[in-house]
Amino acid sequence: AASRPIRGTLAERYLQSRGIILPA
């Protein structure tokens, strides 16, 4: 609950570096 949505964050960039496209 204390975390924030992943879109546009460092976590999304990490997954993109793994070739991952986030699902809808």
PDBML (XML) file of the C-alpha atoms, coordinates in Angstrom:
<?xml version="1.0" encoding="UTF-8" ?>
<PDBx:datablock datablockName="MODEL"
   xmlns:PDBx="http://pdbml.pdb.org/schema/pdbx-v50.xsd"
   xmlns:xsi="http://www.w3.org/2001/XMLSchema-instance"
   xsi:schemaLocation="http://pdbml.pdb.org/schema/pdbx-v50.xsd pdbx-v50.xsd">
   <PDBx:atom_siteCategory>
      <PDBx:atom_site id="1">
         <PDBx:B_iso_or_equiv>0.00</PDBx:B_iso_or_equiv>
         <PDBx:Cartn_x>0.000</PDBx:Cartn_x>
         <PDBx:Cartn_y>0.000</PDBx:Cartn_y>
         <PDBx:Cartn_z>0.000</PDBx:Cartn_z>
         <PDBx:auth_asym_id>A</PDBx:auth_asym_id>
         <PDBx:auth_atom_id>CA</PDBx:auth_atom_id>
         <PDBx:auth_comp_id>ALA</PDBx:auth_comp_id>
         <PDBx:auth_seq_id>1</PDBx:auth_seq_id>
         <PDBx:group_PDB>ATOM</PDBx:group_PDB>
         <PDBx:label_alt_id xsi:nil="true" />
         <PDBx:label_asym_id>A</PDBx:label_asym_id>
         <PDBx:label_atom_id>CA</PDBx:label_atom_id>
         <PDBx:label_comp_id>ALA</PDBx:label_comp_id>
         <PDBx:label_entity_id>1</PDBx:label_entity_id>
         <PDBx:label_seq_id>1</PDBx:label_seq_id>
         <PDBx:occupancy>1.00</PDBx:occupancy>
         <PDBx:pdbx_PDB_model_num>1</PDBx:pdbx_PDB_model_num>
         <PDBx:type_symbol>C</PDBx:type_symbol>
      </PDBx:atom_site>
      <PDBx:atom_site id="2">
         <PDBx:B_iso_or_equiv>0.00</PDBx:B_iso_or_equiv>
         <PDBx:Cartn_x>2.917</PDBx:Cartn_x>
         <PDBx:Cartn_y>2.359</PDBx:Cartn_y>
         <PDBx:Cartn_z>0.682</PDBx:Cartn_z>
         <PDBx:auth_asym_id>A</PDBx:auth_asym_id>
         <PDBx:auth_atom_id>CA</PDBx:auth_atom_id>
         <PDBx:auth_comp_id>ALA</PDBx:auth_comp_id>
         <PDBx:auth_seq_id>2</PDBx:auth_seq_id>
         <PDBx:group_PDB>ATOM</PDBx:group_PDB>
         <PDBx:label_alt_id xsi:nil="true" />
         <PDBx:label_asym_id>A</PDBx:label_asym_id>
         <PDBx:label_atom_id>CA</PDBx:label_atom_id>
         <PDBx:label_comp_id>ALA</PDBx:label_comp_id>
         <PDBx:label_entity_id>1</PDBx:label_entity_id>
         <PDBx:label_seq_id>2</PDBx:label_seq_id>
         <PDBx:occupancy>1.00</PDBx:occupancy>
         <PDBx:pdbx_PDB_model_num>1</PDBx:pdbx_PDB_model_num>
         <PDBx:type_symbol>C</PDBx:type_symbol>
      </PDBx:atom_site>
      <PDBx:atom_site id="3">
         <PDBx:B_iso_or_equiv>0.00</PDBx:B_iso_or_equiv>
         <PDBx:Cartn_x>4.376</PDBx:Cartn_x>
         <PDBx:Cartn_y>1.691</PDBx:Cartn_y>
         <PDBx:Cartn_z>-2.785</PDBx:Cartn_z>
         <PDBx:auth_asym_id>A</PDBx:auth_asym_id>
         <PDBx:auth_atom_id>CA</PDBx:auth_atom_id>
         <PDBx:auth_comp_id>SER</PDBx:auth_comp_id>
         <PDBx:auth_seq_id>3</PDBx:auth_seq_id>
         <PDBx:group_PDB>ATOM</PDBx:group_PDB>
         <PDBx:label_alt_id xsi:nil="true" />
         <PDBx:label_asym_id>A</PDBx:label_asym_id>
         <PDBx:label_atom_id>CA</PDBx:label_atom_id>
         <PDBx:label_comp_id>SER</PDBx:label_comp_id>
         <PDBx:label_entity_id>1</PDBx:label_entity_id>
         <PDBx:label_seq_id>3</PDBx:label_seq_id>
         <PDBx:occupancy>1.00</PDBx:occupancy>
         <PDBx:pdbx_PDB_model_num>1</PDBx:pdbx_PDB_model_num>
         <PDBx:type_symbol>C</PDBx:type_symbol>
      </PDBx:atom_site>
      <PDBx:atom_site id="4">
         <PDBx:B_iso_or_equiv>0.00</PDBx:B_iso_or_equiv>
         <PDBx:Cartn_x>3.443</PDBx:Cartn_x>
         <PDBx:Cartn_y>3.602</PDBx:Cartn_y>
         <PDBx:Cartn_z>-5.933</PDBx:Cartn_z>
         <PDBx:auth_asym_id>A</PDBx:auth_asym_id>
         <PDBx:auth_atom_id>CA</PDBx:auth_atom_id>
         <PDBx:auth_comp_id>ARG</PDBx:auth_comp_id>
         <PDBx:auth_seq_id>4</PDBx:auth_seq_id>
         <PDBx:group_PDB>ATOM</PDBx:group_PDB>
         <PDBx:label_alt_id xsi:nil="true" />
         <PDBx:label_asym_id>A</PDBx:label_asym_id>
         <PDBx:label_atom_id>CA</PDBx:label_atom_id>
         <PDBx:label_comp_id>ARG</PDBx:label_comp_id>
         <PDBx:label_entity_id>1</PDBx:label_entity_id>
         <PDBx:label_seq_id>4</PDBx:label_seq_id>
         <PDBx:occupancy>1.00</PDBx:occupancy>
         <PDBx:pdbx_PDB_model_num>1</PDBx:pdbx_PDB_model_num>
         <PDBx:type_symbol>C</PDBx:type_symbol>
      </PDBx:atom_site>
      <PDBx:atom_site id="5">
         <PDBx:B_iso_or_equiv>0.00</PDBx:B_iso_or_equiv>
         <PDBx:Cartn_x>2.172</PDBx:Cartn_x>
         <PDBx:Cartn_y>2.485</PDBx:Cartn_y>
         <PDBx:Cartn_z>-9.364</PDBx:Cartn_z>
         <PDBx:auth_asym_id>A</PDBx:auth_asym_id>
         <PDBx:auth_atom_id>CA</PDBx:auth_atom_id>
         <PDBx:auth_comp_id>PRO</PDBx:auth_comp_id>
         <PDBx:auth_seq_id>5</PDBx:auth_seq_id>
         <PDBx:group_PDB>ATOM</PDBx:group_PDB>
         <PDBx:label_alt_id xsi:nil="true" />
         <PDBx:label_asym_id>A</PDBx:label_asym_id>
         <PDBx:label_atom_id>CA</PDBx:label_atom_id>
         <PDBx:label_comp_id>PRO</PDBx:label_comp_id>
         <PDBx:label_entity_id>1</PDBx:label_entity_id>
         <PDBx:label_seq_id>5</PDBx:label_seq_id>
         <PDBx:occupancy>1.00</PDBx:occupancy>
         <PDBx:pdbx_PDB_model_num>1</PDBx:pdbx_PDB_model_num>
         <PDBx:type_symbol>C</PDBx:type_symbol>
      </PDBx:atom_site>
      <PDBx:atom_site id="6">
         <PDBx:B_iso_or_equiv>0.00</PDBx:B_iso_or_equiv>
         <PDBx:Cartn_x>4.945</PDBx:Cartn_x>
         <PDBx:Cartn_y>1.019</PDBx:Cartn_y>
         <PDBx:Cartn_z>-11.492</PDBx:Cartn_z>
         <PDBx:auth_asym_id>A</PDBx:auth_asym_id>
         <PDBx:auth_atom_id>CA</PDBx:auth_atom_id>
         <PDBx:auth_comp_id>ILE</PDBx:auth_comp_id>
         <PDBx:auth_seq_id>6</PDBx:auth_seq_id>
         <PDBx:group_PDB>ATOM</PDBx:group_PDB>
         <PDBx:label_alt_id xsi:nil="true" />
         <PDBx:label_asym_id>A</PDBx:label_asym_id>
         <PDBx:label_atom_id>CA</PDBx:label_atom_id>
         <PDBx:label_comp_id>ILE</PDBx:label_comp_id>
         <PDBx:label_entity_id>1</PDBx:label_entity_id>
         <PDBx:label_seq_id>6</PDBx:label_seq_id>
         <PDBx:occupancy>1.00</PDBx:occupancy>
         <PDBx:pdbx_PDB_model_num>1</PDBx:pdbx_PDB_model_num>
         <PDBx:type_symbol>C</PDBx:type_symbol>
      </PDBx:atom_site>
      <PDBx:atom_site id="7">
         <PDBx:B_iso_or_equiv>0.00</PDBx:B_iso_or_equiv>
         <PDBx:Cartn_x>4.376</PDBx:Cartn_x>
         <PDBx:Cartn_y>2.955</PDBx:Cartn_y>
         <PDBx:Cartn_z>-14.721</PDBx:Cartn_z>
         <PDBx:auth_asym_id>A</PDBx:auth_asym_id>
         <PDBx:auth_atom_id>CA</PDBx:auth_atom_id>
         <PDBx:auth_comp_id>ARG</PDBx:auth_comp_id>
         <PDBx:auth_seq_id>7</PDBx:auth_seq_id>
         <PDBx:group_PDB>ATOM</PDBx:group_PDB>
         <PDBx:label_alt_id xsi:nil="true" />
         <PDBx:label_asym_id>A</PDBx:label_asym_id>
         <PDBx:label_atom_id>CA</PDBx:label_atom_id>
         <PDBx:label_comp_id>ARG</PDBx:label_comp_id>
         <PDBx:label_entity_id>1</PDBx:label_entity_id>
         <PDBx:label_seq_id>7</PDBx:label_seq_id>
         <PDBx:occupancy>1.00</PDBx:occupancy>
         <PDBx:pdbx_PDB_model_num>1</PDBx:pdbx_PDB_model_num>
         <PDBx:type_symbol>C</PDBx:type_symbol>
      </PDBx:atom_site>
      <PDBx:atom_site id="8">
         <PDBx:B_iso_or_equiv>0.00</PDBx:B_iso_or_equiv>
         <PDBx:Cartn_x>7.185</PDBx:Cartn_x>
         <PDBx:Cartn_y>5.428</PDBx:Cartn_y>
         <PDBx:Cartn_z>-15.440</PDBx:Cartn_z>
         <PDBx:auth_asym_id>A</PDBx:auth_asym_id>
         <PDBx:auth_atom_id>CA</PDBx:auth_atom_id>
         <PDBx:auth_comp_id>GLY</PDBx:auth_comp_id>
         <PDBx:auth_seq_id>8</PDBx:auth_seq_id>
         <PDBx:group_PDB>ATOM</PDBx:group_PDB>
         <PDBx:label_alt_id xsi:nil="true" />
         <PDBx:label_asym_id>A</PDBx:label_asym_id>
         <PDBx:label_atom_id>CA</PDBx:label_atom_id>
         <PDBx:label_comp_id>GLY</PDBx:label_comp_id>
         <PDBx:label_entity_id>1</PDBx:label_entity_id>
         <PDBx:label_seq_id>8</PDBx:label_seq_id>
         <PDBx:occupancy>1.00</PDBx:occupancy>
         <PDBx:pdbx_PDB_model_num>1</PDBx:pdbx_PDB_model_num>
         <PDBx:type_symbol>C</PDBx:type_symbol>
      </PDBx:atom_site>
      <PDBx:atom_site id="9">
         <PDBx:B_iso_or_equiv>0.00</PDBx:B_iso_or_equiv>
         <PDBx:Cartn_x>9.339</PDBx:Cartn_x>
         <PDBx:Cartn_y>4.294</PDBx:Cartn_y>
         <PDBx:Cartn_z>-12.504</PDBx:Cartn_z>
         <PDBx:auth_asym_id>A</PDBx:auth_asym_id>
         <PDBx:auth_atom_id>CA</PDBx:auth_atom_id>
         <PDBx:auth_comp_id>THR</PDBx:auth_comp_id>
         <PDBx:auth_seq_id>9</PDBx:auth_seq_id>
         <PDBx:group_PDB>ATOM</PDBx:group_PDB>
         <PDBx:label_alt_id xsi:nil="true" />
         <PDBx:label_asym_id>A</PDBx:label_asym_id>
         <PDBx:label_atom_id>CA</PDBx:label_atom_id>
         <PDBx:label_comp_id>THR</PDBx:label_comp_id>
         <PDBx:label_entity_id>1</PDBx:label_entity_id>
         <PDBx:label_seq_id>9</PDBx:label_seq_id>
         <PDBx:occupancy>1.00</PDBx:occupancy>
         <PDBx:pdbx_PDB_model_num>1</PDBx:pdbx_PDB_model_num>
         <PDBx:type_symbol>C</PDBx:type_symbol>
      </PDBx:atom_site>
      <PDBx:atom_site id="10">
         <PDBx:B_iso_or_equiv>0.00</PDBx:B_iso_or_equiv>
         <PDBx:Cartn_x>12.786</PDBx:Cartn_x>
         <PDBx:Cartn_y>2.766</PDBx:Cartn_y>
         <PDBx:Cartn_z>-12.105</PDBx:Cartn_z>
         <PDBx:auth_asym_id>A</PDBx:auth_asym_id>
         <PDBx:auth_atom_id>CA</PDBx:auth_atom_id>
         <PDBx:auth_comp_id>LEU</PDBx:auth_comp_id>
         <PDBx:auth_seq_id>10</PDBx:auth_seq_id>
         <PDBx:group_PDB>ATOM</PDBx:group_PDB>
         <PDBx:label_alt_id xsi:nil="true" />
         <PDBx:label_asym_id>A</PDBx:label_asym_id>
         <PDBx:label_atom_id>CA</PDBx:label_atom_id>
         <PDBx:label_comp_id>LEU</PDBx:label_comp_id>
         <PDBx:label_entity_id>1</PDBx:label_entity_id>
         <PDBx:label_seq_id>10</PDBx:label_seq_id>
         <PDBx:occupancy>1.00</PDBx:occupancy>
         <PDBx:pdbx_PDB_model_num>1</PDBx:pdbx_PDB_model_num>
         <PDBx:type_symbol>C</PDBx:type_symbol>
      </PDBx:atom_site>
      <PDBx:atom_site id="11">
         <PDBx:B_iso_or_equiv>0.00</PDBx:B_iso_or_equiv>
         <PDBx:Cartn_x>11.103</PDBx:Cartn_x>
         <PDBx:Cartn_y>-0.633</PDBx:Cartn_y>
         <PDBx:Cartn_z>-11.691</PDBx:Cartn_z>
         <PDBx:auth_asym_id>A</PDBx:auth_asym_id>
         <PDBx:auth_atom_id>CA</PDBx:auth_atom_id>
         <PDBx:auth_comp_id>ALA</PDBx:auth_comp_id>
         <PDBx:auth_seq_id>11</PDBx:auth_seq_id>
         <PDBx:group_PDB>ATOM</PDBx:group_PDB>
         <PDBx:label_alt_id xsi:nil="true" />
         <PDBx:label_asym_id>A</PDBx:label_asym_id>
         <PDBx:label_atom_id>CA</PDBx:label_atom_id>
         <PDBx:label_comp_id>ALA</PDBx:label_comp_id>
         <PDBx:label_entity_id>1</PDBx:label_entity_id>
         <PDBx:label_seq_id>11</PDBx:label_seq_id>
         <PDBx:occupancy>1.00</PDBx:occupancy>
         <PDBx:pdbx_PDB_model_num>1</PDBx:pdbx_PDB_model_num>
         <PDBx:type_symbol>C</PDBx:type_symbol>
      </PDBx:atom_site>
      <PDBx:atom_site id="12">
         <PDBx:B_iso_or_equiv>0.00</PDBx:B_iso_or_equiv>
         <PDBx:Cartn_x>9.512</PDBx:Cartn_x>
         <PDBx:Cartn_y>-0.387</PDBx:Cartn_y>
         <PDBx:Cartn_z>-15.138</PDBx:Cartn_z>
         <PDBx:auth_asym_id>A</PDBx:auth_asym_id>
         <PDBx:auth_atom_id>CA</PDBx:auth_atom_id>
         <PDBx:auth_comp_id>GLU</PDBx:auth_comp_id>
         <PDBx:auth_seq_id>12</PDBx:auth_seq_id>
         <PDBx:group_PDB>ATOM</PDBx:group_PDB>
         <PDBx:label_alt_id xsi:nil="true" />
         <PDBx:label_asym_id>A</PDBx:label_asym_id>
         <PDBx:label_atom_id>CA</PDBx:label_atom_id>
         <PDBx:label_comp_id>GLU</PDBx:label_comp_id>
         <PDBx:label_entity_id>1</PDBx:label_entity_id>
         <PDBx:label_seq_id>12</PDBx:label_seq_id>
         <PDBx:occupancy>1.00</PDBx:occupancy>
         <PDBx:pdbx_PDB_model_num>1</PDBx:pdbx_PDB_model_num>
         <PDBx:type_symbol>C</PDBx:type_symbol>
      </PDBx:atom_site>
      <PDBx:atom_site id="13">
         <PDBx:B_iso_or_equiv>0.00</PDBx:B_iso_or_equiv>
         <PDBx:Cartn_x>12.898</PDBx:Cartn_x>
         <PDBx:Cartn_y>0.570</PDBx:Cartn_y>
         <PDBx:Cartn_z>-16.620</PDBx:Cartn_z>
         <PDBx:auth_asym_id>A</PDBx:auth_asym_id>
         <PDBx:auth_atom_id>CA</PDBx:auth_atom_id>
         <PDBx:auth_comp_id>ARG</PDBx:auth_comp_id>
         <PDBx:auth_seq_id>13</PDBx:auth_seq_id>
         <PDBx:group_PDB>ATOM</PDBx:group_PDB>
         <PDBx:label_alt_id xsi:nil="true" />
         <PDBx:label_asym_id>A</PDBx:label_asym_id>
         <PDBx:label_atom_id>CA</PDBx:label_atom_id>
         <PDBx:label_comp_id>ARG</PDBx:label_comp_id>
         <PDBx:label_entity_id>1</PDBx:label_entity_id>
         <PDBx:label_seq_id>13</PDBx:label_seq_id>
         <PDBx:occupancy>1.00</PDBx:occupancy>
         <PDBx:pdbx_PDB_model_num>1</PDBx:pdbx_PDB_model_num>
         <PDBx:type_symbol>C</PDBx:type_symbol>
      </PDBx:atom_site>
      <PDBx:atom_site id="14">
         <PDBx:B_iso_or_equiv>0.00</PDBx:B_iso_or_equiv>
         <PDBx:Cartn_x>14.455</PDBx:Cartn_x>
         <PDBx:Cartn_y>-2.467</PDBx:Cartn_y>
         <PDBx:Cartn_z>-14.934</PDBx:Cartn_z>
         <PDBx:auth_asym_id>A</PDBx:auth_asym_id>
         <PDBx:auth_atom_id>CA</PDBx:auth_atom_id>
         <PDBx:auth_comp_id>TYR</PDBx:auth_comp_id>
         <PDBx:auth_seq_id>14</PDBx:auth_seq_id>
         <PDBx:group_PDB>ATOM</PDBx:group_PDB>
         <PDBx:label_alt_id xsi:nil="true" />
         <PDBx:label_asym_id>A</PDBx:label_asym_id>
         <PDBx:label_atom_id>CA</PDBx:label_atom_id>
         <PDBx:label_comp_id>TYR</PDBx:label_comp_id>
         <PDBx:label_entity_id>1</PDBx:label_entity_id>
         <PDBx:label_seq_id>14</PDBx:label_seq_id>
         <PDBx:occupancy>1.00</PDBx:occupancy>
         <PDBx:pdbx_PDB_model_num>1</PDBx:pdbx_PDB_model_num>
         <PDBx:type_symbol>C</PDBx:type_symbol>
      </PDBx:atom_site>
      <PDBx:atom_site id="15">
         <PDBx:B_iso_or_equiv>0.00</PDBx:B_iso_or_equiv>
         <PDBx:Cartn_x>11.866</PDBx:Cartn_x>
         <PDBx:Cartn_y>-4.781</PDBx:Cartn_y>
         <PDBx:Cartn_z>-16.498</PDBx:Cartn_z>
         <PDBx:auth_asym_id>A</PDBx:auth_asym_id>
         <PDBx:auth_atom_id>CA</PDBx:auth_atom_id>
         <PDBx:auth_comp_id>LEU</PDBx:auth_comp_id>
         <PDBx:auth_seq_id>15</PDBx:auth_seq_id>
         <PDBx:group_PDB>ATOM</PDBx:group_PDB>
         <PDBx:label_alt_id xsi:nil="true" />
         <PDBx:label_asym_id>A</PDBx:label_asym_id>
         <PDBx:label_atom_id>CA</PDBx:label_atom_id>
         <PDBx:label_comp_id>LEU</PDBx:label_comp_id>
         <PDBx:label_entity_id>1</PDBx:label_entity_id>
         <PDBx:label_seq_id>15</PDBx:label_seq_id>
         <PDBx:occupancy>1.00</PDBx:occupancy>
         <PDBx:pdbx_PDB_model_num>1</PDBx:pdbx_PDB_model_num>
         <PDBx:type_symbol>C</PDBx:type_symbol>
      </PDBx:atom_site>
      <PDBx:atom_site id="16">
         <PDBx:B_iso_or_equiv>0.00</PDBx:B_iso_or_equiv>
         <PDBx:Cartn_x>12.298</PDBx:Cartn_x>
         <PDBx:Cartn_y>-3.096</PDBx:Cartn_y>
         <PDBx:Cartn_z>-19.896</PDBx:Cartn_z>
         <PDBx:auth_asym_id>A</PDBx:auth_asym_id>
         <PDBx:auth_atom_id>CA</PDBx:auth_atom_id>
         <PDBx:auth_comp_id>GLN</PDBx:auth_comp_id>
         <PDBx:auth_seq_id>16</PDBx:auth_seq_id>
         <PDBx:group_PDB>ATOM</PDBx:group_PDB>
         <PDBx:label_alt_id xsi:nil="true" />
         <PDBx:label_asym_id>A</PDBx:label_asym_id>
         <PDBx:label_atom_id>CA</PDBx:label_atom_id>
         <PDBx:label_comp_id>GLN</PDBx:label_comp_id>
         <PDBx:label_entity_id>1</PDBx:label_entity_id>
         <PDBx:label_seq_id>16</PDBx:label_seq_id>
         <PDBx:occupancy>1.00</PDBx:occupancy>
         <PDBx:pdbx_PDB_model_num>1</PDBx:pdbx_PDB_model_num>
         <PDBx:type_symbol>C</PDBx:type_symbol>
      </PDBx:atom_site>
      <PDBx:atom_site id="17">
         <PDBx:B_iso_or_equiv>0.00</PDBx:B_iso_or_equiv>
         <PDBx:Cartn_x>16.024</PDBx:Cartn_x>
         <PDBx:Cartn_y>-3.847</PDBx:Cartn_y>
         <PDBx:Cartn_z>-19.654</PDBx:Cartn_z>
         <PDBx:auth_asym_id>A</PDBx:auth_asym_id>
         <PDBx:auth_atom_id>CA</PDBx:auth_atom_id>
         <PDBx:auth_comp_id>SER</PDBx:auth_comp_id>
         <PDBx:auth_seq_id>17</PDBx:auth_seq_id>
         <PDBx:group_PDB>ATOM</PDBx:group_PDB>
         <PDBx:label_alt_id xsi:nil="true" />
         <PDBx:label_asym_id>A</PDBx:label_asym_id>
         <PDBx:label_atom_id>CA</PDBx:label_atom_id>
         <PDBx:label_comp_id>SER</PDBx:label_comp_id>
         <PDBx:label_entity_id>1</PDBx:label_entity_id>
         <PDBx:label_seq_id>17</PDBx:label_seq_id>
         <PDBx:occupancy>1.00</PDBx:occupancy>
         <PDBx:pdbx_PDB_model_num>1</PDBx:pdbx_PDB_model_num>
         <PDBx:type_symbol>C</PDBx:type_symbol>
      </PDBx:atom_site>
      <PDBx:atom_site id="18">
         <PDBx:B_iso_or_equiv>0.00</PDBx:B_iso_or_equiv>
         <PDBx:Cartn_x>14.985</PDBx:Cartn_x>
         <PDBx:Cartn_y>-7.508</PDBx:Cartn_y>
         <PDBx:Cartn_z>-19.322</PDBx:Cartn_z>
         <PDBx:auth_asym_id>A</PDBx:auth_asym_id>
         <PDBx:auth_atom_id>CA</PDBx:auth_atom_id>
         <PDBx:auth_comp_id>ARG</PDBx:auth_comp_id>
         <PDBx:auth_seq_id>18</PDBx:auth_seq_id>
         <PDBx:group_PDB>ATOM</PDBx:group_PDB>
         <PDBx:label_alt_id xsi:nil="true" />
         <PDBx:label_asym_id>A</PDBx:label_asym_id>
         <PDBx:label_atom_id>CA</PDBx:label_atom_id>
         <PDBx:label_comp_id>ARG</PDBx:label_comp_id>
         <PDBx:label_entity_id>1</PDBx:label_entity_id>
         <PDBx:label_seq_id>18</PDBx:label_seq_id>
         <PDBx:occupancy>1.00</PDBx:occupancy>
         <PDBx:pdbx_PDB_model_num>1</PDBx:pdbx_PDB_model_num>
         <PDBx:type_symbol>C</PDBx:type_symbol>
      </PDBx:atom_site>
      <PDBx:atom_site id="19">
         <PDBx:B_iso_or_equiv>0.00</PDBx:B_iso_or_equiv>
         <PDBx:Cartn_x>13.060</PDBx:Cartn_x>
         <PDBx:Cartn_y>-7.260</PDBx:Cartn_y>
         <PDBx:Cartn_z>-22.620</PDBx:Cartn_z>
         <PDBx:auth_asym_id>A</PDBx:auth_asym_id>
         <PDBx:auth_atom_id>CA</PDBx:auth_atom_id>
         <PDBx:auth_comp_id>GLY</PDBx:auth_comp_id>
         <PDBx:auth_seq_id>19</PDBx:auth_seq_id>
         <PDBx:group_PDB>ATOM</PDBx:group_PDB>
         <PDBx:label_alt_id xsi:nil="true" />
         <PDBx:label_asym_id>A</PDBx:label_asym_id>
         <PDBx:label_atom_id>CA</PDBx:label_atom_id>
         <PDBx:label_comp_id>GLY</PDBx:label_comp_id>
         <PDBx:label_entity_id>1</PDBx:label_entity_id>
         <PDBx:label_seq_id>19</PDBx:label_seq_id>
         <PDBx:occupancy>1.00</PDBx:occupancy>
         <PDBx:pdbx_PDB_model_num>1</PDBx:pdbx_PDB_model_num>
         <PDBx:type_symbol>C</PDBx:type_symbol>
      </PDBx:atom_site>
      <PDBx:atom_site id="20">
         <PDBx:B_iso_or_equiv>0.00</PDBx:B_iso_or_equiv>
         <PDBx:Cartn_x>9.730</PDBx:Cartn_x>
         <PDBx:Cartn_y>-7.266</PDBx:Cartn_y>
         <PDBx:Cartn_z>-20.772</PDBx:Cartn_z>
         <PDBx:auth_asym_id>A</PDBx:auth_asym_id>
         <PDBx:auth_atom_id>CA</PDBx:auth_atom_id>
         <PDBx:auth_comp_id>ILE</PDBx:auth_comp_id>
         <PDBx:auth_seq_id>20</PDBx:auth_seq_id>
         <PDBx:group_PDB>ATOM</PDBx:group_PDB>
         <PDBx:label_alt_id xsi:nil="true" />
         <PDBx:label_asym_id>A</PDBx:label_asym_id>
         <PDBx:label_atom_id>CA</PDBx:label_atom_id>
         <PDBx:label_comp_id>ILE</PDBx:label_comp_id>
         <PDBx:label_entity_id>1</PDBx:label_entity_id>
         <PDBx:label_seq_id>20</PDBx:label_seq_id>
         <PDBx:occupancy>1.00</PDBx:occupancy>
         <PDBx:pdbx_PDB_model_num>1</PDBx:pdbx_PDB_model_num>
         <PDBx:type_symbol>C</PDBx:type_symbol>
      </PDBx:atom_site>
      <PDBx:atom_site id="21">
         <PDBx:B_iso_or_equiv>0.00</PDBx:B_iso_or_equiv>
         <PDBx:Cartn_x>6.686</PDBx:Cartn_x>
         <PDBx:Cartn_y>-5.295</PDBx:Cartn_y>
         <PDBx:Cartn_z>-21.928</PDBx:Cartn_z>
         <PDBx:auth_asym_id>A</PDBx:auth_asym_id>
         <PDBx:auth_atom_id>CA</PDBx:auth_atom_id>
         <PDBx:auth_comp_id>ILE</PDBx:auth_comp_id>
         <PDBx:auth_seq_id>21</PDBx:auth_seq_id>
         <PDBx:group_PDB>ATOM</PDBx:group_PDB>
         <PDBx:label_alt_id xsi:nil="true" />
         <PDBx:label_asym_id>A</PDBx:label_asym_id>
         <PDBx:label_atom_id>CA</PDBx:label_atom_id>
         <PDBx:label_comp_id>ILE</PDBx:label_comp_id>
         <PDBx:label_entity_id>1</PDBx:label_entity_id>
         <PDBx:label_seq_id>21</PDBx:label_seq_id>
         <PDBx:occupancy>1.00</PDBx:occupancy>
         <PDBx:pdbx_PDB_model_num>1</PDBx:pdbx_PDB_model_num>
         <PDBx:type_symbol>C</PDBx:type_symbol>
      </PDBx:atom_site>
      <PDBx:atom_site id="22">
         <PDBx:B_iso_or_equiv>0.00</PDBx:B_iso_or_equiv>
         <PDBx:Cartn_x>4.361</PDBx:Cartn_x>
         <PDBx:Cartn_y>-4.681</PDBx:Cartn_y>
         <PDBx:Cartn_z>-19.019</PDBx:Cartn_z>
         <PDBx:auth_asym_id>A</PDBx:auth_asym_id>
         <PDBx:auth_atom_id>CA</PDBx:auth_atom_id>
         <PDBx:auth_comp_id>LEU</PDBx:auth_comp_id>
         <PDBx:auth_seq_id>22</PDBx:auth_seq_id>
         <PDBx:group_PDB>ATOM</PDBx:group_PDB>
         <PDBx:label_alt_id xsi:nil="true" />
         <PDBx:label_asym_id>A</PDBx:label_asym_id>
         <PDBx:label_atom_id>CA</PDBx:label_atom_id>
         <PDBx:label_comp_id>LEU</PDBx:label_comp_id>
         <PDBx:label_entity_id>1</PDBx:label_entity_id>
         <PDBx:label_seq_id>22</PDBx:label_seq_id>
         <PDBx:occupancy>1.00</PDBx:occupancy>
         <PDBx:pdbx_PDB_model_num>1</PDBx:pdbx_PDB_model_num>
         <PDBx:type_symbol>C</PDBx:type_symbol>
      </PDBx:atom_site>
      <PDBx:atom_site id="23">
         <PDBx:B_iso_or_equiv>0.00</PDBx:B_iso_or_equiv>
         <PDBx:Cartn_x>0.869</PDBx:Cartn_x>
         <PDBx:Cartn_y>-6.182</PDBx:Cartn_y>
         <PDBx:Cartn_z>-19.459</PDBx:Cartn_z>
         <PDBx:auth_asym_id>A</PDBx:auth_asym_id>
         <PDBx:auth_atom_id>CA</PDBx:auth_atom_id>
         <PDBx:auth_comp_id>PRO</PDBx:auth_comp_id>
         <PDBx:auth_seq_id>23</PDBx:auth_seq_id>
         <PDBx:group_PDB>ATOM</PDBx:group_PDB>
         <PDBx:label_alt_id xsi:nil="true" />
         <PDBx:label_asym_id>A</PDBx:label_asym_id>
         <PDBx:label_atom_id>CA</PDBx:label_atom_id>
         <PDBx:label_comp_id>PRO</PDBx:label_comp_id>
         <PDBx:label_entity_id>1</PDBx:label_entity_id>
         <PDBx:label_seq_id>23</PDBx:label_seq_id>
         <PDBx:occupancy>1.00</PDBx:occupancy>
         <PDBx:pdbx_PDB_model_num>1</PDBx:pdbx_PDB_model_num>
         <PDBx:type_symbol>C</PDBx:type_symbol>
      </PDBx:atom_site>
      <PDBx:atom_site id="24">
         <PDBx:B_iso_or_equiv>0.00</PDBx:B_iso_or_equiv>
         <PDBx:Cartn_x>-2.190</PDBx:Cartn_x>
         <PDBx:Cartn_y>-3.936</PDBx:Cartn_y>
         <PDBx:Cartn_z>-19.572</PDBx:Cartn_z>
         <PDBx:auth_asym_id>A</PDBx:auth_asym_id>
         <PDBx:auth_atom_id>CA</PDBx:auth_atom_id>
         <PDBx:auth_comp_id>ALA</PDBx:auth_comp_id>
         <PDBx:auth_seq_id>24</PDBx:auth_seq_id>
         <PDBx:group_PDB>ATOM</PDBx:group_PDB>
         <PDBx:label_alt_id xsi:nil="true" />
         <PDBx:label_asym_id>A</PDBx:label_asym_id>
         <PDBx:label_atom_id>CA</PDBx:label_atom_id>
         <PDBx:label_comp_id>ALA</PDBx:label_comp_id>
         <PDBx:label_entity_id>1</PDBx:label_entity_id>
         <PDBx:label_seq_id>24</PDBx:label_seq_id>
         <PDBx:occupancy>1.00</PDBx:occupancy>
         <PDBx:pdbx_PDB_model_num>1</PDBx:pdbx_PDB_model_num>
         <PDBx:type_symbol>C</PDBx:type_symbol>
      </PDBx:atom_site>
   </PDBx:atom_siteCategory>
</PDBx:datablock>
